[in-house]
């Protein structure tokens, strides 16, 4: 995705073919940001997101962000550009980089599994994680966190995360509905009711003619 910010063109994309510690990569980056917890992580990462900054059509900086964990992609809600910085979701981490140098300001793990999206909210950010919702500051401090009875993924066509006026409406995997305010206080908790119908025939009658 290409974005115009001040005098810069900022391109963000998934470089799936990039191999850590390889000399045969098609593109070489000025900086590779990655911290593997295990030795094998140093050669294999789940997600590899590249950032390139151009000024007047000339590339002036580039980095690749590599992480292990729940895989993330790049879309309009994967990152935020503001205040001469970019915040970007990479697996279960958020990276904050300076613009235009792409110098690492901070990176931090939030959701233990995956950070699906990041949204601007007043003077802070909201992170839609797989297991929790977070409100964080520009500096990465956690203002509050909210978890439901299941993960924030839904397979019944319910929109898992939606900001509505001064509230956030959530649906979990079981389609339980939650509404919280911007301070993380729960306003609505609608538990999905599953009705199990009794069989019309008793089990011992099934085999009777």
Protein backbone atom coordinates (compact mmCIF):
# COMPACT_ATOMS: atom_id res chain seq x y z
CA UNK A 1 0.00 0.00 0.00
CA UNK A 2 1.27 3.47 -0.90
CA UNK A 3 0.58 6.48 1.31
CA UNK A 4 1.44 10.15 0.93
CA UNK A 5 2.57 11.84 4.15
CA UNK A 6 3.91 15.41 3.93
CA UNK A 7 6.65 15.28 1.24
CA UNK A 8 7.09 11.54 1.48
CA UNK A 9 5.68 8.51 -0.29
CA UNK A 10 5.50 5.61 2.15
CA UNK A 11 5.00 2.12 0.79
CA UNK A 12 4.08 -0.76 3.10
CA UNK A 13 3.85 -4.32 1.84
CA UNK A 14 4.31 -7.95 2.78
CA UNK A 15 7.62 -9.30 1.48
CA UNK A 16 6.76 -12.99 1.79
CA UNK A 17 9.78 -14.13 -0.25
CA UNK A 18 12.34 -12.45 2.02
CA UNK A 19 14.61 -14.95 3.83
CA UNK A 20 16.39 -14.01 7.03
CA UNK A 21 20.19 -14.21 6.91
CA UNK A 22 20.21 -14.96 3.18
CA UNK A 23 22.41 -13.27 0.59
CA UNK A 24 20.15 -14.26 -2.28
CA UNK A 25 17.19 -12.02 -1.45
CA UNK A 26 15.82 -9.98 -4.36
CA UNK A 27 15.69 -6.87 -2.16
CA UNK A 28 18.16 -5.97 0.59
CA UNK A 29 17.07 -3.69 3.41
CA UNK A 30 19.02 -1.09 5.32
CA UNK A 31 17.72 -2.52 8.59
CA UNK A 32 16.12 -5.83 9.57
CA UNK A 33 14.16 -5.58 12.80
CA UNK A 34 13.60 -8.95 14.39
CA UNK A 35 13.97 -10.61 17.77
CA UNK A 36 13.62 -14.38 17.75
CA UNK A 37 12.95 -16.04 21.08
CA UNK A 38 14.47 -19.31 19.88
CA UNK A 39 17.46 -20.16 17.71
CA UNK A 40 15.27 -21.49 14.89
CA UNK A 41 13.37 -18.19 14.81
CA UNK A 42 16.49 -16.45 13.48
CA UNK A 43 15.95 -18.13 10.11
CA UNK A 44 12.16 -18.44 9.90
CA UNK A 45 9.57 -15.77 10.60
CA UNK A 46 5.81 -15.85 10.24
CA UNK A 47 5.27 -12.32 8.90
CA UNK A 48 7.66 -10.05 7.01
CA UNK A 49 6.42 -6.49 6.47
CA UNK A 50 8.53 -4.01 4.53
CA UNK A 51 8.41 -0.20 4.74
CA UNK A 52 9.96 2.05 2.10
CA UNK A 53 10.13 5.85 2.22
CA UNK A 54 10.68 7.95 -0.91
CA UNK A 55 11.18 11.69 -1.29
CA UNK A 56 10.78 13.26 -4.73
CA UNK A 57 10.71 9.76 -6.19
CA UNK A 58 14.04 8.77 -4.60
CA UNK A 59 14.17 6.00 -2.02
CA UNK A 60 15.74 7.38 1.15
CA UNK A 61 15.09 4.64 3.72
CA UNK A 62 13.75 1.11 4.01
CA UNK A 63 13.32 -1.60 6.64
CA UNK A 64 11.77 -5.02 7.01
CA UNK A 65 9.95 -6.10 10.17
CA UNK A 66 10.01 -9.84 10.85
CA UNK A 67 8.15 -11.64 13.63
CA UNK A 68 6.89 -15.06 14.71
CA UNK A 69 3.37 -15.74 15.96
CA UNK A 70 -0.07 -15.36 14.46
CA UNK A 71 0.39 -14.16 10.89
CA UNK A 72 -0.63 -10.64 9.86
CA UNK A 73 -1.18 -9.07 6.47
CA UNK A 74 -1.20 -5.49 5.21
CA UNK A 75 -4.40 -3.52 4.76
CA UNK A 76 -5.69 -0.04 5.67
CA UNK A 77 -6.10 -1.02 9.34
CA UNK A 78 -2.67 -2.62 9.72
CA UNK A 79 -0.87 0.66 10.39
CA UNK A 80 -1.26 4.33 11.33
CA UNK A 81 0.88 7.21 10.12
CA UNK A 82 0.87 10.34 12.29
CA UNK A 83 3.14 12.76 14.14
CA UNK A 84 6.17 11.82 11.98
CA UNK A 85 5.86 8.16 12.98
CA UNK A 86 4.32 4.94 11.76
CA UNK A 87 2.78 2.30 14.01
CA UNK A 88 2.37 -1.09 12.37
CA UNK A 89 1.01 -4.50 13.42
CA UNK A 90 3.43 -7.38 12.93
CA UNK A 91 2.14 -10.69 14.34
CA UNK A 92 1.53 -10.03 18.05
CA UNK A 93 3.77 -6.95 18.17
CA UNK A 94 3.34 -3.26 17.40
CA UNK A 95 6.35 -1.48 15.89
CA UNK A 96 6.77 2.29 16.06
CA UNK A 97 9.19 3.82 13.53
CA UNK A 98 10.32 7.39 12.89
CA UNK A 99 9.54 9.08 9.57
CA UNK A 100 11.50 9.47 7.33
CA UNK A 101 14.50 7.59 8.80
CA UNK A 102 12.47 4.50 9.86
CA UNK A 103 14.57 4.37 13.00
CA UNK A 104 13.01 2.05 15.59
CA UNK A 105 11.37 4.04 18.39
CA UNK A 106 9.86 1.08 20.23
CA UNK A 107 8.26 -2.31 19.68
CA UNK A 108 6.13 -4.26 22.12
CA UNK A 109 4.04 -7.41 22.38
CA UNK A 110 0.37 -6.86 23.14
CA UNK A 111 -2.02 -9.69 22.30
CA UNK A 112 -0.31 -13.03 22.95
CA UNK A 113 -1.58 -14.40 19.63
CA UNK A 114 -2.16 -11.75 16.93
CA UNK A 115 -2.84 -8.04 16.57
CA UNK A 116 -5.38 -7.88 13.75
CA UNK A 117 -5.73 -4.09 13.45
CA UNK A 118 -4.89 -0.72 14.98
CA UNK A 119 -7.21 2.30 15.05
CA UNK A 120 -6.74 5.89 16.15
CA UNK A 121 -8.97 6.86 19.07
CA UNK A 122 -8.79 10.39 20.46
CA UNK A 123 -5.14 10.79 21.57
CA UNK A 124 -4.53 7.04 21.79
CA UNK A 125 -4.86 3.85 19.74
CA UNK A 126 -7.18 0.86 19.95
CA UNK A 127 -5.76 -2.56 19.06
CA UNK A 128 -8.06 -5.35 17.89
CA UNK A 129 -6.23 -8.41 19.14
CA UNK A 130 -7.25 -12.02 18.77
CA UNK A 131 -7.80 -12.58 22.50
CA UNK A 132 -8.05 -9.02 23.88
CA UNK A 133 -8.86 -5.44 22.94
CA UNK A 134 -6.29 -2.85 24.04
CA UNK A 135 -6.24 0.90 24.33
CA UNK A 136 -2.63 2.11 24.22
CA UNK A 137 -0.80 5.43 24.17
CA UNK A 138 1.45 6.67 21.37
CA UNK A 139 4.38 5.51 23.54
CA UNK A 140 3.02 1.97 23.87
CA UNK A 141 1.63 2.21 27.38
CA UNK A 142 -1.51 0.14 28.06
CA UNK A 143 -4.44 2.31 29.17
CA UNK A 144 -6.82 -0.66 29.50
CA UNK A 145 -7.45 -4.13 28.10
CA UNK A 146 -10.69 -6.05 27.61
CA UNK A 147 -11.33 -9.75 27.07
CA UNK A 148 -14.53 -11.68 26.40
CA UNK A 149 -15.60 -15.28 26.79
CA UNK A 150 -13.90 -16.32 23.53
CA UNK A 151 -11.52 -14.94 20.91
CA UNK A 152 -12.38 -11.87 18.81
CA UNK A 153 -12.94 -13.86 15.62
CA UNK A 154 -16.41 -14.63 14.30
CA UNK A 155 -17.42 -17.08 11.57
CA UNK A 156 -21.11 -16.16 11.46
CA UNK A 157 -20.80 -12.94 9.45
CA UNK A 158 -20.82 -10.74 12.56
CA UNK A 159 -18.34 -7.87 12.48
CA UNK A 160 -16.04 -8.65 15.39
CA UNK A 161 -14.94 -5.05 16.02
CA UNK A 162 -16.76 -1.83 15.23
CA UNK A 163 -16.42 1.70 16.63
CA UNK A 164 -19.87 3.30 16.90
CA UNK A 165 -20.14 6.89 18.16
CA UNK A 166 -18.68 6.71 21.68
CA UNK A 167 -18.69 2.94 22.04
CA UNK A 168 -17.03 -0.18 20.67
CA UNK A 169 -19.27 -3.11 19.68
CA UNK A 170 -17.69 -6.57 19.76
CA UNK A 171 -18.69 -10.12 18.81
CA UNK A 172 -16.64 -13.10 19.88
CA UNK A 173 -16.28 -16.52 18.25
CA UNK A 174 -19.51 -17.76 19.85
CA UNK A 175 -21.35 -14.60 18.66
CA UNK A 176 -21.69 -13.24 22.20
CA UNK A 177 -22.15 -9.48 21.90
CA UNK A 178 -20.34 -6.88 24.01
CA UNK A 179 -20.43 -3.08 24.03
CA UNK A 180 -17.75 -1.10 25.88
CA UNK A 181 -17.09 2.61 26.20
CA UNK A 182 -13.82 4.33 25.35
CA UNK A 183 -12.67 3.87 28.95
CA UNK A 184 -12.98 0.10 28.66
CA UNK A 185 -16.14 -0.12 30.78
CA UNK A 186 -18.63 -2.78 29.71
CA UNK A 187 -22.09 -1.39 28.90
CA UNK A 188 -23.78 -4.38 27.26
CA UNK A 189 -23.17 -8.12 27.58
CA UNK A 190 -25.55 -10.18 25.45
CA UNK A 191 -24.85 -13.86 25.85
CA UNK A 192 -25.89 -15.90 22.86
CA UNK A 193 -28.58 -18.38 23.80
CA UNK A 194 -28.26 -21.76 22.10
CA UNK A 195 -31.46 -23.79 22.11
CA UNK A 196 -30.93 -27.53 21.94
CA UNK A 197 -34.05 -29.30 20.75
CA UNK A 198 -34.92 -32.61 22.35
CA UNK A 199 -35.23 -35.53 19.93
CA UNK A 200 -38.81 -36.32 19.02
CA UNK A 201 -38.23 -40.00 19.79
CA UNK A 202 -36.50 -41.49 22.79
CA UNK A 203 -33.18 -43.13 22.03
CA UNK A 204 -34.56 -46.61 22.76
CA UNK A 205 -37.40 -46.05 20.32
CA UNK A 206 -35.13 -45.28 17.38
CA UNK A 207 -34.57 -48.99 16.65
CA UNK A 208 -38.22 -49.96 16.97
CA UNK A 209 -40.22 -50.59 13.82
